[in-house]
Amino acid sequence: MPVQGNFAVIPFGEHIGDNASDLDLPWVTFVGNQSTLKPFEIAGQPVGHSYILIQTYQVGVNSHAIFVNGVQLPGLNIPTHEGWHSWMVVLKDELLRTGQNTVQIVRDVRTTDDFVVWNIAVHWHEYIP
């Protein structure tokens, strides 16, 4: 079967942290230690490699976690940086599924780090029916 690329852009606009006043960004919603669980749909059957691109602001530690469909992604997910930054994380084959999928960011609560997740783009390949 032929394969095509597809993607979903998931808007977050969320301040993740231990204190709402730690970042002076009134246009971003403070959500505490974890982002909202964000759903996205895949109409076709995902196959092969996929990845996410995550857009963040002011990440002070590299131990925060990304969860896709309830599974924590291994390794370094979000590097430390000042200002805005985008980062790509490759997903394991078969992590994405047909129908509803979810993505969520969870702060390392052993730290006092506050940061923003702005958007996440998920890219996958799927069979063309």
N, C-alpha and C. Protein backbone atom coordinates (compact mmCIF):
# COMPACT_ATOMS: atom_id res chain seq x y z
N MET A 1 0.83 -1.19 0.00
CA MET A 1 0.00 0.00 0.00
C MET A 1 0.87 1.25 0.00
N PRO A 2 0.43 2.30 -0.70
CA PRO A 2 1.17 3.57 -0.65
C PRO A 2 1.02 4.25 0.71
N VAL A 3 2.01 5.07 1.02
CA VAL A 3 2.05 5.77 2.31
C VAL A 3 2.15 7.27 2.05
N GLN A 4 1.50 8.05 2.92
CA GLN A 4 1.60 9.50 2.85
C GLN A 4 1.92 10.06 4.23
N GLY A 5 2.53 11.24 4.26
CA GLY A 5 2.78 11.93 5.52
C GLY A 5 1.55 12.72 5.95
N ASN A 6 1.38 12.87 7.25
CA ASN A 6 0.29 13.67 7.78
C ASN A 6 0.76 14.29 9.10
N PHE A 7 0.01 15.27 9.59
CA PHE A 7 0.43 15.92 10.83
C PHE A 7 -0.77 16.56 11.52
N ALA A 8 -0.56 16.90 12.79
CA ALA A 8 -1.53 17.67 13.57
C ALA A 8 -0.74 18.70 14.37
N VAL A 9 -1.23 19.94 14.39
CA VAL A 9 -0.65 20.98 15.24
C VAL A 9 -1.58 21.16 16.43
N ILE A 10 -1.03 21.00 17.62
CA ILE A 10 -1.81 21.02 18.84
C ILE A 10 -1.43 22.27 19.64
N PRO A 11 -2.33 23.24 19.74
CA PRO A 11 -2.03 24.45 20.51
C PRO A 11 -2.13 24.19 22.01
N PHE A 12 -1.12 24.63 22.74
CA PHE A 12 -1.12 24.52 24.20
C PHE A 12 -1.27 25.91 24.82
N GLY A 13 -0.26 26.76 24.69
CA GLY A 13 -0.30 28.07 25.32
C GLY A 13 -0.41 27.98 26.83
N GLU A 14 0.40 27.08 27.43
CA GLU A 14 0.28 26.82 28.86
C GLU A 14 1.61 27.04 29.60
N HIS A 15 1.50 27.67 30.75
CA HIS A 15 2.62 27.88 31.67
C HIS A 15 2.59 26.73 32.66
N ILE A 16 3.64 25.92 32.63
CA ILE A 16 3.76 24.78 33.53
C ILE A 16 4.80 25.14 34.59
N GLY A 17 4.45 24.98 35.86
CA GLY A 17 5.40 25.35 36.90
C GLY A 17 4.82 25.24 38.29
N ASP A 18 5.60 25.71 39.25
CA ASP A 18 5.18 25.64 40.64
C ASP A 18 4.60 26.95 41.16
N ASN A 19 4.68 28.03 40.35
CA ASN A 19 4.23 29.32 40.83
C ASN A 19 3.81 30.19 39.64
N ALA A 20 2.57 30.60 39.61
CA ALA A 20 2.04 31.39 38.50
C ALA A 20 2.79 32.70 38.29
N SER A 21 3.37 33.26 39.35
CA SER A 21 4.05 34.56 39.22
C SER A 21 5.52 34.43 38.78
N ASP A 22 6.01 33.21 38.59
CA ASP A 22 7.42 33.04 38.20
C ASP A 22 7.71 33.49 36.77
N LEU A 23 6.73 33.49 35.90
CA LEU A 23 6.89 34.00 34.53
C LEU A 23 5.85 35.09 34.31
N ASP A 24 6.30 36.23 33.83
CA ASP A 24 5.39 37.35 33.59
C ASP A 24 4.86 37.26 32.16
N LEU A 25 3.93 36.34 31.95
CA LEU A 25 3.32 36.12 30.65
C LEU A 25 1.81 36.03 30.82
N PRO A 26 1.12 37.16 30.97
CA PRO A 26 -0.31 37.14 31.27
C PRO A 26 -1.17 36.52 30.16
N TRP A 27 -0.65 36.40 28.98
CA TRP A 27 -1.39 35.83 27.85
C TRP A 27 -1.28 34.30 27.78
N VAL A 28 -0.58 33.70 28.75
CA VAL A 28 -0.42 32.24 28.81
C VAL A 28 -1.14 31.74 30.06
N THR A 29 -1.84 30.63 29.95
CA THR A 29 -2.60 30.06 31.07
C THR A 29 -1.69 29.24 31.98
N PHE A 30 -1.69 29.58 33.28
CA PHE A 30 -0.94 28.79 34.26
C PHE A 30 -1.75 27.53 34.57
N VAL A 31 -1.08 26.35 34.47
CA VAL A 31 -1.78 25.08 34.68
C VAL A 31 -1.19 24.22 35.79
N GLY A 32 -0.11 24.66 36.42
CA GLY A 32 0.49 23.86 37.50
C GLY A 32 1.51 22.88 36.98
N ASN A 33 1.54 21.68 37.56
CA ASN A 33 2.61 20.72 37.30
C ASN A 33 2.50 19.92 36.01
N GLN A 34 1.36 19.98 35.36
CA GLN A 34 1.23 19.25 34.09
C GLN A 34 0.31 19.99 33.16
N SER A 35 0.56 19.82 31.88
CA SER A 35 -0.28 20.46 30.88
C SER A 35 -1.65 19.78 30.84
N THR A 36 -2.55 20.41 30.14
CA THR A 36 -3.82 19.78 29.82
C THR A 36 -3.53 18.57 28.93
N LEU A 37 -4.29 17.51 29.10
CA LEU A 37 -4.18 16.35 28.22
C LEU A 37 -4.82 16.74 26.89
N LYS A 38 -4.02 16.82 25.84
CA LYS A 38 -4.49 17.32 24.54
C LYS A 38 -4.72 16.16 23.57
N PRO A 39 -5.94 16.06 23.05
CA PRO A 39 -6.23 15.00 22.07
C PRO A 39 -5.93 15.46 20.65
N PHE A 40 -5.64 14.50 19.78
CA PHE A 40 -5.56 14.73 18.35
C PHE A 40 -5.97 13.45 17.64
N GLU A 41 -6.51 13.60 16.44
CA GLU A 41 -7.06 12.46 15.70
C GLU A 41 -6.14 12.03 14.55
N ILE A 42 -6.08 10.73 14.35
CA ILE A 42 -5.42 10.16 13.18
C ILE A 42 -6.47 9.31 12.46
N ALA A 43 -6.83 9.74 11.26
CA ALA A 43 -7.89 9.05 10.52
C ALA A 43 -7.39 7.75 9.89
N GLY A 44 -6.16 7.75 9.39
CA GLY A 44 -5.62 6.57 8.73
C GLY A 44 -4.91 5.65 9.71
N GLN A 45 -4.23 4.65 9.14
CA GLN A 45 -3.46 3.71 9.97
C GLN A 45 -2.00 4.15 10.00
N PRO A 46 -1.50 4.63 11.15
CA PRO A 46 -0.11 5.07 11.23
C PRO A 46 0.85 3.91 10.97
N VAL A 47 1.95 4.22 10.29
CA VAL A 47 2.94 3.20 9.97
C VAL A 47 4.32 3.84 9.97
N GLY A 48 5.31 3.12 10.45
CA GLY A 48 6.69 3.60 10.40
C GLY A 48 6.98 4.71 11.39
N HIS A 49 7.96 5.51 11.02
CA HIS A 49 8.48 6.54 11.93
C HIS A 49 7.53 7.72 12.08
N SER A 50 7.54 8.32 13.26
CA SER A 50 6.79 9.53 13.54
C SER A 50 7.62 10.37 14.51
N TYR A 51 7.25 11.63 14.66
CA TYR A 51 7.98 12.49 15.58
C TYR A 51 7.08 13.63 16.02
N ILE A 52 7.51 14.29 17.10
CA ILE A 52 6.84 15.51 17.54
C ILE A 52 7.85 16.65 17.53
N LEU A 53 7.35 17.84 17.28
CA LEU A 53 8.11 19.07 17.43
C LEU A 53 7.43 19.85 18.55
N ILE A 54 8.20 20.22 19.54
CA ILE A 54 7.63 20.92 20.69
C ILE A 54 8.25 22.32 20.78
N GLN A 55 7.40 23.32 20.92
CA GLN A 55 7.82 24.72 21.01
C GLN A 55 7.68 25.16 22.47
N THR A 56 8.80 25.54 23.09
CA THR A 56 8.81 25.88 24.51
C THR A 56 9.55 27.18 24.78
N TYR A 57 9.36 27.69 25.99
CA TYR A 57 9.98 28.94 26.42
C TYR A 57 10.55 28.76 27.83
N GLN A 58 11.83 29.15 28.00
CA GLN A 58 12.49 29.22 29.32
C GLN A 58 12.53 27.90 30.08
N VAL A 59 13.02 26.85 29.48
CA VAL A 59 13.14 25.57 30.17
C VAL A 59 14.46 25.55 30.94
N GLY A 60 14.38 25.38 32.27
CA GLY A 60 15.56 25.46 33.12
C GLY A 60 16.22 24.14 33.44
N VAL A 61 15.49 23.04 33.31
CA VAL A 61 16.05 21.71 33.56
C VAL A 61 15.60 20.78 32.43
N ASN A 62 16.36 19.72 32.20
CA ASN A 62 16.02 18.83 31.09
C ASN A 62 15.35 17.53 31.54
N SER A 63 14.70 17.55 32.69
CA SER A 63 14.11 16.33 33.23
C SER A 63 12.58 16.30 33.19
N HIS A 64 11.96 17.23 32.47
CA HIS A 64 10.51 17.20 32.31
C HIS A 64 10.14 16.08 31.34
N ALA A 65 8.91 15.60 31.41
CA ALA A 65 8.51 14.43 30.62
C ALA A 65 7.42 14.77 29.61
N ILE A 66 7.49 14.09 28.47
CA ILE A 66 6.44 14.14 27.46
C ILE A 66 5.77 12.77 27.44
N PHE A 67 4.44 12.78 27.47
CA PHE A 67 3.67 11.55 27.39
C PHE A 67 2.84 11.57 26.11
N VAL A 68 2.91 10.49 25.34
CA VAL A 68 2.07 10.31 24.17
C VAL A 68 1.25 9.05 24.41
N ASN A 69 -0.06 9.19 24.36
CA ASN A 69 -0.98 8.07 24.63
C ASN A 69 -0.67 7.41 25.97
N GLY A 70 -0.31 8.23 26.97
CA GLY A 70 -0.05 7.73 28.31
C GLY A 70 1.31 7.09 28.51
N VAL A 71 2.14 7.06 27.47
CA VAL A 71 3.47 6.45 27.54
C VAL A 71 4.51 7.56 27.61
N GLN A 72 5.36 7.52 28.65
CA GLN A 72 6.42 8.52 28.78
C GLN A 72 7.49 8.25 27.74
N LEU A 73 7.86 9.30 27.01
CA LEU A 73 8.92 9.16 26.02
C LEU A 73 10.26 9.03 26.73
N PRO A 74 11.13 8.14 26.27
CA PRO A 74 12.42 7.93 26.93
C PRO A 74 13.42 9.03 26.58
N GLY A 75 14.43 9.16 27.40
CA GLY A 75 15.55 10.05 27.09
C GLY A 75 15.26 11.52 27.33
N LEU A 76 16.12 12.35 26.76
CA LEU A 76 16.02 13.81 26.87
C LEU A 76 14.91 14.29 25.95
N ASN A 77 13.85 14.82 26.51
CA ASN A 77 12.71 15.27 25.72
C ASN A 77 12.71 16.76 25.44
N ILE A 78 13.08 17.55 26.44
CA ILE A 78 13.07 19.01 26.30
C ILE A 78 14.39 19.54 26.86
N PRO A 79 15.28 20.04 26.02
CA PRO A 79 16.56 20.54 26.53
C PRO A 79 16.39 21.88 27.24
N THR A 80 17.34 22.21 28.10
CA THR A 80 17.32 23.51 28.76
C THR A 80 17.65 24.60 27.75
N HIS A 81 17.00 25.75 27.91
CA HIS A 81 17.26 26.89 27.02
C HIS A 81 16.59 28.14 27.56
N GLU A 82 17.12 29.27 27.13
CA GLU A 82 16.50 30.56 27.43
C GLU A 82 15.71 30.99 26.21
N GLY A 83 14.66 31.75 26.42
CA GLY A 83 13.83 32.22 25.32
C GLY A 83 13.06 31.08 24.67
N TRP A 84 12.64 31.31 23.43
CA TRP A 84 11.86 30.32 22.68
C TRP A 84 12.78 29.33 22.00
N HIS A 85 12.31 28.08 21.90
CA HIS A 85 13.09 27.03 21.26
C HIS A 85 12.14 25.95 20.76
N SER A 86 12.52 25.29 19.68
CA SER A 86 11.76 24.12 19.19
C SER A 86 12.68 22.92 19.22
N TRP A 87 12.11 21.76 19.51
CA TRP A 87 12.88 20.55 19.68
C TRP A 87 12.11 19.39 19.07
N MET A 88 12.82 18.48 18.42
CA MET A 88 12.19 17.31 17.82
C MET A 88 12.48 16.07 18.65
N VAL A 89 11.44 15.25 18.84
CA VAL A 89 11.58 13.98 19.55
C VAL A 89 10.98 12.89 18.66
N VAL A 90 11.78 11.88 18.34
CA VAL A 90 11.32 10.76 17.52
C VAL A 90 10.48 9.82 18.40
N LEU A 91 9.37 9.36 17.85
CA LEU A 91 8.48 8.45 18.58
C LEU A 91 8.75 7.01 18.17
N LYS A 92 8.55 6.10 19.10
CA LYS A 92 8.68 4.68 18.78
C LYS A 92 7.60 4.28 17.77
N ASP A 93 7.96 3.37 16.87
CA ASP A 93 6.97 2.82 15.95
C ASP A 93 5.81 2.25 16.75
N GLU A 94 4.63 2.38 16.23
CA GLU A 94 3.39 1.83 16.80
C GLU A 94 2.93 2.53 18.08
N LEU A 95 3.53 3.68 18.44
CA LEU A 95 3.04 4.43 19.60
C LEU A 95 1.74 5.17 19.24
N LEU A 96 1.68 5.67 18.00
CA LEU A 96 0.46 6.33 17.53
C LEU A 96 -0.52 5.29 17.01
N ARG A 97 -1.81 5.64 17.05
CA ARG A 97 -2.84 4.68 16.63
C ARG A 97 -3.95 5.41 15.85
N THR A 98 -4.70 4.64 15.12
CA THR A 98 -5.86 5.18 14.43
C THR A 98 -6.87 5.66 15.46
N GLY A 99 -7.48 6.82 15.22
CA GLY A 99 -8.46 7.38 16.14
C GLY A 99 -7.83 8.42 17.05
N GLN A 100 -8.36 8.52 18.27
CA GLN A 100 -7.87 9.54 19.19
C GLN A 100 -6.54 9.16 19.81
N ASN A 101 -5.64 10.13 19.84
CA ASN A 101 -4.34 10.03 20.50
C ASN A 101 -4.25 11.21 21.45
N THR A 102 -3.31 11.17 22.39
CA THR A 102 -3.15 12.27 23.34
C THR A 102 -1.67 12.60 23.53
N VAL A 103 -1.43 13.85 23.93
CA VAL A 103 -0.09 14.28 24.30
C VAL A 103 -0.21 15.17 25.54
N GLN A 104 0.77 15.03 26.45
CA GLN A 104 0.77 15.81 27.69
C GLN A 104 2.21 16.01 28.16
N ILE A 105 2.46 17.16 28.76
CA ILE A 105 3.77 17.49 29.32
C ILE A 105 3.64 17.51 30.84
N VAL A 106 4.60 16.86 31.52
CA VAL A 106 4.59 16.80 32.98
C VAL A 106 5.91 17.36 33.51
N ARG A 107 5.80 18.32 34.40
CA ARG A 107 6.97 18.98 34.99
C ARG A 107 7.64 18.06 36.01
N ASP A 108 8.95 18.13 36.06
CA ASP A 108 9.71 17.44 37.11
C ASP A 108 9.50 18.21 38.40
N VAL A 109 8.69 17.67 39.30
CA VAL A 109 8.32 18.38 40.53
C VAL A 109 9.45 18.42 41.56
N ARG A 110 10.56 17.77 41.26
CA ARG A 110 11.73 17.87 42.15
C ARG A 110 12.46 19.19 41.93
N THR A 111 11.99 19.99 40.96
CA THR A 111 12.62 21.26 40.63
C THR A 111 11.64 22.41 40.88
N THR A 112 12.12 23.63 40.76
CA THR A 112 11.25 24.81 40.83
C THR A 112 11.12 25.46 39.46
N ASP A 113 11.39 24.70 38.42
CA ASP A 113 11.37 25.22 37.06
C ASP A 113 9.96 25.59 36.61
N ASP A 114 9.86 26.72 35.92
CA ASP A 114 8.63 27.16 35.26
C ASP A 114 8.96 27.38 33.80
N PHE A 115 8.09 26.92 32.91
CA PHE A 115 8.32 27.08 31.47
C PHE A 115 6.98 27.09 30.75
N VAL A 116 7.02 27.42 29.47
CA VAL A 116 5.81 27.49 28.66
C VAL A 116 5.90 26.46 27.54
N VAL A 117 4.79 25.77 27.31
CA VAL A 117 4.63 24.95 26.11
C VAL A 117 3.64 25.70 25.24
N TRP A 118 4.07 26.05 24.03
CA TRP A 118 3.22 26.85 23.15
C TRP A 118 2.44 25.99 22.16
N ASN A 119 3.16 25.25 21.32
CA ASN A 119 2.53 24.35 20.34
C ASN A 119 3.31 23.05 20.28
N ILE A 120 2.61 22.00 19.90
CA ILE A 120 3.27 20.74 19.56
C ILE A 120 2.73 20.30 18.21
N ALA A 121 3.63 19.94 17.31
CA ALA A 121 3.24 19.37 16.03
C ALA A 121 3.62 17.89 16.05
N VAL A 122 2.67 17.05 15.67
CA VAL A 122 2.91 15.61 15.58
C VAL A 122 2.89 15.24 14.10
N HIS A 123 3.93 14.54 13.65
CA HIS A 123 4.01 14.12 12.25
C HIS A 123 4.10 12.60 12.20
N TRP A 124 3.35 12.00 11.27
CA TRP A 124 3.35 10.55 11.11
C TRP A 124 3.16 10.20 9.64
N HIS A 125 3.38 8.95 9.33
CA HIS A 125 3.06 8.38 8.01
C HIS A 125 1.87 7.45 8.19
N GLU A 126 1.03 7.40 7.17
CA GLU A 126 -0.13 6.53 7.22
C GLU A 126 -0.38 5.91 5.85
N TYR A 127 -1.00 4.75 5.86
CA TYR A 127 -1.36 4.10 4.61
C TYR A 127 -2.46 4.91 3.92
N ILE A 128 -2.36 4.99 2.59
CA ILE A 128 -3.41 5.62 1.80
C ILE A 128 -4.42 4.52 1.43
N PRO A 129 -5.69 4.70 1.80
CA PRO A 129 -6.68 3.66 1.51
C PRO A 129 -6.96 3.53 0.01
